[in-house]
Amino acid sequence: MKFSGFCLAMAGLVLPIAANAQVMFDTTRVTCADYLAMSSTDARLFSAFISGWFNQKIGHVTVDLNEYERNVANVRSWCATNPRETVFAGLQRATGTSGK
């Protein structure tokens, strides 16, 4: 019984340490060059996340998949000519918002 209590206590000490090993990723600092260099899978995930996050911030609550695809293509096109800009800055310019 004491051994299982000891194992439980050790797990309680080790698990919080493992949870702090997560990677921090600041999406507002991703440049267009970074975005265009992502693998297709990573670019799709990033696009979906940033689209959802940004749209929520500006108050859009609906999803139009056709519009989403157009927006992603527009952002990629804009990024091709502005590789040093951040993707977030491009979204702000395109929507005329500050991201609130």
PDB file of N, CA and C in Angstrom:
ATOM      1  N   MET A   1       0.819  -1.189   0.000  1.00  0.00           N
ATOM      2  CA  MET A   1       0.000   0.000   0.000  1.00  0.00           C
ATOM      3  C   MET A   1       0.869   1.261   0.000  1.00  0.00           C
ATOM      4  N   LYS A   2       1.971   1.228   0.759  1.00  0.00           N
ATOM      5  CA  LYS A   2       2.843   2.386   0.811  1.00  0.00           C
ATOM      6  C   LYS A   2       3.518   2.607  -0.544  1.00  0.00           C
ATOM      7  N   PHE A   3       3.831   1.516  -1.238  1.00  0.00           N
ATOM      8  CA  PHE A   3       4.501   1.634  -2.540  1.00  0.00           C
ATOM      9  C   PHE A   3       3.591   2.335  -3.549  1.00  0.00           C
ATOM     10  N   SER A   4       2.305   1.980  -3.585  1.00  0.00           N
ATOM     11  CA  SER A   4       1.396   2.622  -4.534  1.00  0.00           C
ATOM     12  C   SER A   4       1.196   4.094  -4.174  1.00  0.00           C
ATOM     13  N   GLY A   5       1.196   4.415  -2.903  1.00  0.00           N
ATOM     14  CA  GLY A   5       1.104   5.817  -2.477  1.00  0.00           C
ATOM     15  C   GLY A   5       2.334   6.600  -2.904  1.00  0.00           C
ATOM     16  N   PHE A   6       3.500   5.961  -2.802  1.00  0.00           N
ATOM     17  CA  PHE A   6       4.746   6.598  -3.229  1.00  0.00           C
ATOM     18  C   PHE A   6       4.725   6.833  -4.739  1.00  0.00           C
ATOM     19  N   CYS A   7       4.271   5.828  -5.503  1.00  0.00           N
ATOM     20  CA  CYS A   7       4.181   5.973  -6.965  1.00  0.00           C
ATOM     21  C   CYS A   7       3.219   7.087  -7.342  1.00  0.00           C
ATOM     22  N   LEU A   8       2.108   7.178  -6.656  1.00  0.00           N
ATOM     23  CA  LEU A   8       1.129   8.217  -6.916  1.00  0.00           C
ATOM     24  C   LEU A   8       1.715   9.605  -6.607  1.00  0.00           C
ATOM     25  N   ALA A   9       2.449   9.708  -5.523  1.00  0.00           N
ATOM     26  CA  ALA A   9       3.080  10.981  -5.160  1.00  0.00           C
ATOM     27  C   ALA A   9       4.131  11.367  -6.197  1.00  0.00           C
ATOM     28  N   MET A  10       4.915  10.422  -6.663  1.00  0.00           N
ATOM     29  CA  MET A  10       5.938  10.698  -7.678  1.00  0.00           C
ATOM     30  C   MET A  10       5.288  11.127  -8.994  1.00  0.00           C
ATOM     31  N   ALA A  11       4.212  10.466  -9.375  1.00  0.00           N
ATOM     32  CA  ALA A  11       3.506  10.843 -10.599  1.00  0.00           C
ATOM     33  C   ALA A  11       2.963  12.263 -10.469  1.00  0.00           C
ATOM     34  N   GLY A  12       2.489  12.616  -9.286  1.00  0.00           N
ATOM     35  CA  GLY A  12       1.992  13.967  -9.047  1.00  0.00           C
ATOM     36  C   GLY A  12       3.079  15.019  -9.151  1.00  0.00           C
ATOM     37  N   LEU A  13       4.313  14.630  -8.854  1.00  0.00           N
ATOM     38  CA  LEU A  13       5.432  15.568  -8.968  1.00  0.00           C
ATOM     39  C   LEU A  13       5.952  15.667 -10.395  1.00  0.00           C
ATOM     40  N   VAL A  14       5.942  14.557 -11.121  1.00  0.00           N
ATOM     41  CA  VAL A  14       6.526  14.513 -12.462  1.00  0.00           C
ATOM     42  C   VAL A  14       5.572  15.053 -13.527  1.00  0.00           C
ATOM     43  N   LEU A  15       4.298  14.778 -13.435  1.00  0.00           N
ATOM     44  CA  LEU A  15       3.351  15.192 -14.466  1.00  0.00           C
ATOM     45  C   LEU A  15       3.290  16.709 -14.684  1.00  0.00           C
ATOM     46  N   PRO A  16       3.278  17.527 -13.631  1.00  0.00           N
ATOM     47  CA  PRO A  16       3.271  18.972 -13.895  1.00  0.00           C
ATOM     48  C   PRO A  16       4.543  19.445 -14.620  1.00  0.00           C
ATOM     49  N   ILE A  17       5.672  18.817 -14.374  1.00  0.00           N
ATOM     50  CA  ILE A  17       6.909  19.179 -15.062  1.00  0.00           C
ATOM     51  C   ILE A  17       6.780  18.866 -16.544  1.00  0.00           C
ATOM     52  N   ALA A  18       6.215  17.718 -16.884  1.00  0.00           N
ATOM     53  CA  ALA A  18       6.032  17.331 -18.279  1.00  0.00           C
ATOM     54  C   ALA A  18       5.044  18.263 -18.978  1.00  0.00           C
ATOM     55  N   ALA A  19       4.061  18.742 -18.255  1.00  0.00           N
ATOM     56  CA  ALA A  19       3.064  19.632 -18.856  1.00  0.00           C
ATOM     57  C   ALA A  19       3.667  20.980 -19.232  1.00  0.00           C
ATOM     58  N   ASN A  20       4.703  21.401 -18.546  1.00  0.00           N
ATOM     59  CA  ASN A  20       5.341  22.685 -18.840  1.00  0.00           C
ATOM     60  C   ASN A  20       6.288  22.611 -20.026  1.00  0.00           C
ATOM     61  N   ALA A  21       6.448  21.455 -20.619  1.00  0.00           N
ATOM     62  CA  ALA A  21       7.374  21.285 -21.738  1.00  0.00           C
ATOM     63  C   ALA A  21       6.735  21.650 -23.076  1.00  0.00           C
ATOM     64  N   GLN A  22       5.575  22.274 -23.059  1.00  0.00           N
ATOM     65  CA  GLN A  22       4.903  22.646 -24.295  1.00  0.00           C
ATOM     66  C   GLN A  22       5.648  23.780 -24.987  1.00  0.00           C
ATOM     67  N   VAL A  23       5.492  23.847 -26.287  1.00  0.00           N
ATOM     68  CA  VAL A  23       6.152  24.867 -27.088  1.00  0.00           C
ATOM     69  C   VAL A  23       5.228  26.075 -27.219  1.00  0.00           C
ATOM     70  N   MET A  24       5.782  27.257 -27.054  1.00  0.00           N
ATOM     71  CA  MET A  24       5.024  28.489 -27.252  1.00  0.00           C
ATOM     72  C   MET A  24       5.218  28.931 -28.698  1.00  0.00           C
ATOM     73  N   PHE A  25       4.136  29.341 -29.346  1.00  0.00           N
ATOM     74  CA  PHE A  25       4.183  29.740 -30.748  1.00  0.00           C
ATOM     75  C   PHE A  25       3.359  30.999 -30.899  1.00  0.00           C
ATOM     76  N   ASP A  26       4.000  32.127 -31.150  1.00  0.00           N
ATOM     77  CA  ASP A  26       3.309  33.405 -31.284  1.00  0.00           C
ATOM     78  C   ASP A  26       2.871  33.585 -32.736  1.00  0.00           C
ATOM     79  N   THR A  27       1.596  33.375 -33.000  1.00  0.00           N
ATOM     80  CA  THR A  27       1.089  33.430 -34.372  1.00  0.00           C
ATOM     81  C   THR A  27       1.146  34.825 -34.963  1.00  0.00           C
ATOM     82  N   THR A  28       1.185  35.847 -34.134  1.00  0.00           N
ATOM     83  CA  THR A  28       1.234  37.213 -34.657  1.00  0.00           C
ATOM     84  C   THR A  28       2.603  37.574 -35.213  1.00  0.00           C
ATOM     85  N   ARG A  29       3.613  36.735 -34.969  1.00  0.00           N
ATOM     86  CA  ARG A  29       4.970  37.024 -35.442  1.00  0.00           C
ATOM     87  C   ARG A  29       5.368  36.197 -36.668  1.00  0.00           C
ATOM     88  N   VAL A  30       4.461  35.386 -37.172  1.00  0.00           N
ATOM     89  CA  VAL A  30       4.758  34.559 -38.338  1.00  0.00           C
ATOM     90  C   VAL A  30       4.812  35.452 -39.576  1.00  0.00           C
ATOM     91  N   THR A  31       5.953  35.455 -40.239  1.00  0.00           N
ATOM     92  CA  THR A  31       6.085  36.265 -41.454  1.00  0.00           C
ATOM     93  C   THR A  31       5.507  35.508 -42.637  1.00  0.00           C
ATOM     94  N   CYS A  32       5.292  36.246 -43.705  1.00  0.00           N
ATOM     95  CA  CYS A  32       4.800  35.612 -44.925  1.00  0.00           C
ATOM     96  C   CYS A  32       5.799  34.580 -45.443  1.00  0.00           C
ATOM     97  N   ALA A  33       7.087  34.882 -45.310  1.00  0.00           N
ATOM     98  CA  ALA A  33       8.101  33.926 -45.745  1.00  0.00           C
ATOM     99  C   ALA A  33       8.002  32.635 -44.939  1.00  0.00           C
ATOM    100  N   ASP A  34       7.774  32.761 -43.620  1.00  0.00           N
ATOM    101  CA  ASP A  34       7.585  31.573 -42.770  1.00  0.00           C
ATOM    102  C   ASP A  34       6.371  30.776 -43.220  1.00  0.00           C
ATOM    103  N   TYR A  35       5.290  31.494 -43.482  1.00  0.00           N
ATOM    104  CA  TYR A  35       4.030  30.865 -43.879  1.00  0.00           C
ATOM    105  C   TYR A  35       4.187  30.116 -45.204  1.00  0.00           C
ATOM    106  N   LEU A  36       4.819  30.749 -46.169  1.00  0.00           N
ATOM    107  CA  LEU A  36       4.989  30.125 -47.475  1.00  0.00           C
ATOM    108  C   LEU A  36       5.962  28.950 -47.431  1.00  0.00           C
ATOM    109  N   ALA A  37       6.855  28.933 -46.435  1.00  0.00           N
ATOM    110  CA  ALA A  37       7.816  27.846 -46.301  1.00  0.00           C
ATOM    111  C   ALA A  37       7.247  26.638 -45.537  1.00  0.00           C
ATOM    112  N   MET A  38       6.064  26.791 -44.952  1.00  0.00           N
ATOM    113  CA  MET A  38       5.461  25.678 -44.203  1.00  0.00           C
ATOM    114  C   MET A  38       5.085  24.549 -45.148  1.00  0.00           C
ATOM    115  N   SER A  39       5.085  23.328 -44.598  1.00  0.00           N
ATOM    116  CA  SER A  39       4.585  22.195 -45.374  1.00  0.00           C
ATOM    117  C   SER A  39       3.104  22.428 -45.630  1.00  0.00           C
ATOM    118  N   SER A  40       2.556  21.737 -46.600  1.00  0.00           N
ATOM    119  CA  SER A  40       1.140  21.948 -46.921  1.00  0.00           C
ATOM    120  C   SER A  40       0.239  21.622 -45.729  1.00  0.00           C
ATOM    121  N   THR A  41       0.601  20.598 -44.971  1.00  0.00           N
ATOM    122  CA  THR A  41      -0.191  20.240 -43.787  1.00  0.00           C
ATOM    123  C   THR A  41      -0.122  21.336 -42.741  1.00  0.00           C
ATOM    124  N   ASP A  42       1.083  21.822 -42.446  1.00  0.00           N
ATOM    125  CA  ASP A  42       1.235  22.882 -41.454  1.00  0.00           C
ATOM    126  C   ASP A  42       0.556  24.167 -41.913  1.00  0.00           C
ATOM    127  N   ALA A  43       0.667  24.486 -43.203  1.00  0.00           N
ATOM    128  CA  ALA A  43       0.040  25.700 -43.735  1.00  0.00           C
ATOM    129  C   ALA A  43      -1.486  25.607 -43.614  1.00  0.00           C
ATOM    130  N   ARG A  44      -2.058  24.433 -43.872  1.00  0.00           N
ATOM    131  CA  ARG A  44      -3.516  24.266 -43.730  1.00  0.00           C
ATOM    132  C   ARG A  44      -3.940  24.451 -42.271  1.00  0.00           C
ATOM    133  N   LEU A  45      -3.182  23.851 -41.354  1.00  0.00           N
ATOM    134  CA  LEU A  45      -3.508  23.980 -39.934  1.00  0.00           C
ATOM    135  C   LEU A  45      -3.361  25.422 -39.464  1.00  0.00           C
ATOM    136  N   PHE A  46      -2.266  26.066 -39.869  1.00  0.00           N
ATOM    137  CA  PHE A  46      -2.049  27.463 -39.494  1.00  0.00           C
ATOM    138  C   PHE A  46      -3.159  28.347 -40.057  1.00  0.00           C
ATOM    139  N   SER A  47      -3.511  28.144 -41.317  1.00  0.00           N
ATOM    140  CA  SER A  47      -4.562  28.938 -41.960  1.00  0.00           C
ATOM    141  C   SER A  47      -5.887  28.780 -41.226  1.00  0.00           C
ATOM    142  N   ALA A  48      -6.230  27.555 -40.888  1.00  0.00           N
ATOM    143  CA  ALA A  48      -7.496  27.310 -40.197  1.00  0.00           C
ATOM    144  C   ALA A  48      -7.496  27.964 -38.821  1.00  0.00           C
ATOM    145  N   PHE A  49      -6.386  27.813 -38.094  1.00  0.00           N
ATOM    146  CA  PHE A  49      -6.319  28.403 -36.761  1.00  0.00           C
ATOM    147  C   PHE A  49      -6.391  29.921 -36.821  1.00  0.00           C
ATOM    148  N   ILE A  50      -5.543  30.529 -37.635  1.00  0.00           N
ATOM    149  CA  ILE A  50      -5.467  31.992 -37.669  1.00  0.00           C
ATOM    150  C   ILE A  50      -6.770  32.578 -38.209  1.00  0.00           C
ATOM    151  N   SER A  51      -7.405  31.891 -39.146  1.00  0.00           N
ATOM    152  CA  SER A  51      -8.687  32.353 -39.677  1.00  0.00           C
ATOM    153  C   SER A  51      -9.749  32.353 -38.580  1.00  0.00           C
ATOM    154  N   GLY A  52      -9.845  31.259 -37.867  1.00  0.00           N
ATOM    155  CA  GLY A  52     -10.830  31.170 -36.788  1.00  0.00           C
ATOM    156  C   GLY A  52     -10.565  32.169 -35.685  1.00  0.00           C
ATOM    157  N   TRP A  53      -9.322  32.277 -35.277  1.00  0.00           N
ATOM    158  CA  TRP A  53      -8.957  33.194 -34.206  1.00  0.00           C
ATOM    159  C   TRP A  53      -9.221  34.644 -34.614  1.00  0.00           C
ATOM    160  N   PHE A  54      -8.759  35.006 -35.822  1.00  0.00           N
ATOM    161  CA  PHE A  54      -8.907  36.385 -36.275  1.00  0.00           C
ATOM    162  C   PHE A  54     -10.371  36.738 -36.492  1.00  0.00           C
ATOM    163  N   ASN A  55     -11.127  35.848 -37.099  1.00  0.00           N
ATOM    164  CA  ASN A  55     -12.551  36.119 -37.326  1.00  0.00           C
ATOM    165  C   ASN A  55     -13.315  36.267 -36.014  1.00  0.00           C
ATOM    166  N   GLN A  56     -12.970  35.479 -35.024  1.00  0.00           N
ATOM    167  CA  GLN A  56     -13.617  35.619 -33.720  1.00  0.00           C
ATOM    168  C   GLN A  56     -13.283  36.976 -33.119  1.00  0.00           C
ATOM    169  N   LYS A  57     -12.048  37.414 -33.253  1.00  0.00           N
ATOM    170  CA  LYS A  57     -11.635  38.703 -32.701  1.00  0.00           C
ATOM    171  C   LYS A  57     -12.370  39.881 -33.334  1.00  0.00           C
ATOM    172  N   ILE A  58     -12.694  39.767 -34.626  1.00  0.00           N
ATOM    173  CA  ILE A  58     -13.387  40.879 -35.280  1.00  0.00           C
ATOM    174  C   ILE A  58     -14.905  40.696 -35.299  1.00  0.00           C
ATOM    175  N   GLY A  59     -15.391  39.630 -34.653  1.00  0.00           N
ATOM    176  CA  GLY A  59     -16.827  39.468 -34.478  1.00  0.00           C
ATOM    177  C   GLY A  59     -17.542  38.650 -35.533  1.00  0.00           C
ATOM    178  N   HIS A  60     -16.822  38.017 -36.437  1.00  0.00           N
ATOM    179  CA  HIS A  60     -17.480  37.154 -37.425  1.00  0.00           C
ATOM    180  C   HIS A  60     -17.738  35.791 -36.792  1.00  0.00           C
ATOM    181  N   VAL A  61     -18.985  35.333 -36.879  1.00  0.00           N
ATOM    182  CA  VAL A  61     -19.338  34.085 -36.207  1.00  0.00           C
ATOM    183  C   VAL A  61     -19.823  33.001 -37.172  1.00  0.00           C
ATOM    184  N   THR A  62     -19.802  33.263 -38.474  1.00  0.00           N
ATOM    185  CA  THR A  62     -20.222  32.254 -39.439  1.00  0.00           C
ATOM    186  C   THR A  62     -19.024  31.756 -40.234  1.00  0.00           C
ATOM    187  N   VAL A  63     -19.177  30.579 -40.820  1.00  0.00           N
ATOM    188  CA  VAL A  63     -18.120  29.988 -41.624  1.00  0.00           C
ATOM    189  C   VAL A  63     -18.661  29.756 -43.032  1.00  0.00           C
ATOM    190  N   ASP A  64     -18.005  30.341 -44.012  1.00  0.00           N
ATOM    191  CA  ASP A  64     -18.314  30.115 -45.416  1.00  0.00           C
ATOM    192  C   ASP A  64     -17.078  29.451 -46.008  1.00  0.00           C
ATOM    193  N   LEU A  65     -17.152  28.161 -46.283  1.00  0.00           N
ATOM    194  CA  LEU A  65     -15.972  27.423 -46.731  1.00  0.00           C
ATOM    195  C   LEU A  65     -15.433  27.920 -48.066  1.00  0.00           C
ATOM    196  N   ASN A  66     -16.315  28.360 -48.956  1.00  0.00           N
ATOM    197  CA  ASN A  66     -15.846  28.906 -50.231  1.00  0.00           C
ATOM    198  C   ASN A  66     -15.092  30.220 -50.011  1.00  0.00           C
ATOM    199  N   GLU A  67     -15.632  31.060 -49.155  1.00  0.00           N
ATOM    200  CA  GLU A  67     -14.967  32.327 -48.839  1.00  0.00           C
ATOM    201  C   GLU A  67     -13.638  32.061 -48.131  1.00  0.00           C
ATOM    202  N   TYR A  68     -13.621  31.075 -47.253  1.00  0.00           N
ATOM    203  CA  TYR A  68     -12.391  30.703 -46.548  1.00  0.00           C
ATOM    204  C   TYR A  68     -11.299  30.328 -47.549  1.00  0.00           C
ATOM    205  N   GLU A  69     -11.634  29.477 -48.520  1.00  0.00           N
ATOM    206  CA  GLU A  69     -10.645  29.062 -49.530  1.00  0.00           C
ATOM    207  C   GLU A  69     -10.141  30.257 -50.334  1.00  0.00           C
ATOM    208  N   ARG A  70     -11.044  31.165 -50.696  1.00  0.00           N
ATOM    209  CA  ARG A  70     -10.638  32.386 -51.411  1.00  0.00           C
ATOM    210  C   ARG A  70      -9.715  33.236 -50.548  1.00  0.00           C
ATOM    211  N   ASN A  71     -10.058  33.383 -49.284  1.00  0.00           N
ATOM    212  CA  ASN A  71      -9.240  34.182 -48.378  1.00  0.00           C
ATOM    213  C   ASN A  71      -7.844  33.601 -48.215  1.00  0.00           C
ATOM    214  N   VAL A  72      -7.755  32.287 -48.081  1.00  0.00           N
ATOM    215  CA  VAL A  72      -6.447  31.641 -47.951  1.00  0.00           C
ATOM    216  C   VAL A  72      -5.630  31.875 -49.216  1.00  0.00           C
ATOM    217  N   ALA A  73      -6.248  31.731 -50.369  1.00  0.00           N
ATOM    218  CA  ALA A  73      -5.540  31.966 -51.632  1.00  0.00           C
ATOM    219  C   ALA A  73      -5.094  33.423 -51.740  1.00  0.00           C
ATOM    220  N   ASN A  74      -5.936  34.356 -51.307  1.00  0.00           N
ATOM    221  CA  ASN A  74      -5.571  35.774 -51.335  1.00  0.00           C
ATOM    222  C   ASN A  74      -4.409  36.079 -50.402  1.00  0.00           C
ATOM    223  N   VAL A  75      -4.435  35.501 -49.216  1.00  0.00           N
ATOM    224  CA  VAL A  75      -3.343  35.725 -48.265  1.00  0.00           C
ATOM    225  C   VAL A  75      -2.040  35.153 -48.814  1.00  0.00           C
ATOM    226  N   ARG A  76      -2.092  33.954 -49.382  1.00  0.00           N
ATOM    227  CA  ARG A  76      -0.879  33.353 -49.954  1.00  0.00           C
ATOM    228  C   ARG A  76      -0.344  34.216 -51.103  1.00  0.00           C
ATOM    229  N   SER A  77      -1.234  34.733 -51.918  1.00  0.00           N
ATOM    230  CA  SER A  77      -0.833  35.588 -53.028  1.00  0.00           C
ATOM    231  C   SER A  77      -0.190  36.881 -52.511  1.00  0.00           C
ATOM    232  N   TRP A  78      -0.821  37.502 -51.519  1.00  0.00           N
ATOM    233  CA  TRP A  78      -0.277  38.722 -50.937  1.00  0.00           C
ATOM    234  C   TRP A  78       1.078  38.446 -50.288  1.00  0.00           C
ATOM    235  N   CYS A  79       1.177  37.317 -49.611  1.00  0.00           N
ATOM    236  CA  CYS A  79       2.432  36.963 -48.944  1.00  0.00           C
ATOM    237  C   CYS A  79       3.567  36.753 -49.943  1.00  0.00           C
ATOM    238  N   ALA A  80       3.245  36.265 -51.124  1.00  0.00           N
ATOM    239  CA  ALA A  80       4.284  36.043 -52.133  1.00  0.00           C
ATOM    240  C   ALA A  80       4.965  37.350 -52.524  1.00  0.00           C
ATOM    241  N   THR A  81       4.242  38.459 -52.444  1.00  0.00           N
ATOM    242  CA  THR A  81       4.822  39.760 -52.807  1.00  0.00           C
ATOM    243  C   THR A  81       5.286  40.560 -51.592  1.00  0.00           C
ATOM    244  N   ASN A  82       4.995  40.069 -50.385  1.00  0.00           N
ATOM    245  CA  ASN A  82       5.365  40.764 -49.146  1.00  0.00           C
ATOM    246  C   ASN A  82       5.977  39.792 -48.136  1.00  0.00           C
ATOM    247  N   PRO A  83       7.077  39.141 -48.467  1.00  0.00           N
ATOM    248  CA  PRO A  83       7.606  38.086 -47.603  1.00  0.00           C
ATOM    249  C   PRO A  83       8.075  38.541 -46.222  1.00  0.00           C
ATOM    250  N   ARG A  84       8.396  39.804 -46.055  1.00  0.00           N
ATOM    251  CA  ARG A  84       8.887  40.280 -44.753  1.00  0.00           C
ATOM    252  C   ARG A  84       7.766  40.725 -43.815  1.00  0.00           C
ATOM    253  N   GLU A  85       6.579  40.898 -44.352  1.00  0.00           N
ATOM    254  CA  GLU A  85       5.425  41.293 -43.526  1.00  0.00           C
ATOM    255  C   GLU A  85       4.919  40.087 -42.739  1.00  0.00           C
ATOM    256  N   THR A  86       4.217  40.360 -41.645  1.00  0.00           N
ATOM    257  CA  THR A  86       3.605  39.262 -40.909  1.00  0.00           C
ATOM    258  C   THR A  86       2.258  38.922 -41.541  1.00  0.00           C
ATOM    259  N   VAL A  87       1.863  37.684 -41.409  1.00  0.00           N
ATOM    260  CA  VAL A  87       0.558  37.257 -41.918  1.00  0.00           C
ATOM    261  C   VAL A  87      -0.535  38.042 -41.197  1.00  0.00           C
ATOM    262  N   PHE A  88      -0.358  38.256 -39.916  1.00  0.00           N
ATOM    263  CA  PHE A  88      -1.331  38.992 -39.120  1.00  0.00           C
ATOM    264  C   PHE A  88      -1.503  40.420 -39.643  1.00  0.00           C
ATOM    265  N   ALA A  89      -0.406  41.084 -40.010  1.00  0.00           N
ATOM    266  CA  ALA A  89      -0.488  42.443 -40.567  1.00  0.00           C
ATOM    267  C   ALA A  89      -1.265  42.432 -41.879  1.00  0.00           C
ATOM    268  N   GLY A  90      -1.059  41.417 -42.690  1.00  0.00           N
ATOM    269  CA  GLY A  90      -1.802  41.299 -43.940  1.00  0.00           C
ATOM    270  C   GLY A  90      -3.283  41.127 -43.697  1.00  0.00           C
ATOM    271  N   LEU A  91      -3.644  40.337 -42.696  1.00  0.00           N
ATOM    272  CA  LEU A  91      -5.057  40.157 -42.361  1.00  0.00           C
ATOM    273  C   LEU A  91      -5.664  41.460 -41.861  1.00  0.00           C
ATOM    274  N   GLN A  92      -4.920  42.194 -41.067  1.00  0.00           N
ATOM    275  CA  GLN A  92      -5.415  43.470 -40.568  1.00  0.00           C
ATOM    276  C   GLN A  92      -5.624  44.456 -41.721  1.00  0.00           C
ATOM    277  N   ARG A  93      -4.686  44.506 -42.636  1.00  0.00           N
ATOM    278  CA  ARG A  93      -4.834  45.415 -43.782  1.00  0.00           C
ATOM    279  C   ARG A  93      -6.009  45.015 -44.663  1.00  0.00           C
ATOM    280  N   ALA A  94      -6.159  43.718 -44.884  1.00  0.00           N
ATOM    281  CA  ALA A  94      -7.221  43.226 -45.766  1.00  0.00           C
ATOM    282  C   ALA A  94      -8.606  43.511 -45.194  1.00  0.00           C
ATOM    283  N   THR A  95      -8.718  43.468 -43.872  1.00  0.00           N
ATOM    284  CA  THR A  95     -10.026  43.652 -43.244  1.00  0.00           C
ATOM    285  C   THR A  95     -10.233  45.054 -42.693  1.00  0.00           C
ATOM    286  N   GLY A  96      -9.178  45.869 -42.681  1.00  0.00           N
ATOM    287  CA  GLY A  96      -9.294  47.216 -42.145  1.00  0.00           C
ATOM    288  C   GLY A  96      -9.533  47.237 -40.654  1.00  0.00           C
ATOM    289  N   THR A  97      -8.986  46.244 -39.962  1.00  0.00           N
ATOM    290  CA  THR A  97      -9.171  46.152 -38.510  1.00  0.00           C
ATOM    291  C   THR A  97      -7.823  46.146 -37.814  1.00  0.00           C
ATOM    292  N   SER A  98      -7.892  46.254 -36.516  1.00  0.00           N
ATOM    293  CA  SER A  98      -6.675  46.136 -35.717  1.00  0.00           C
ATOM    294  C   SER A  98      -6.638  44.798 -34.999  1.00  0.00           C
ATOM    295  N   GLY A  99      -7.580  43.921 -35.276  1.00  0.00           N
ATOM    296  CA  GLY A  99      -7.638  42.644 -34.593  1.00  0.00           C
ATOM    297  C   GLY A  99      -8.234  42.734 -33.206  1.00  0.00           C
ATOM    298  N   LYS A 100      -8.601  43.936 -32.782  1.00  0.00           N
ATOM    299  CA  LYS A 100      -9.202  44.207 -31.470  1.00  0.00           C
ATOM    300  C   LYS A 100      -8.407  43.519 -30.410  1.00  0.00           C
TER     301      LYS A 100
END
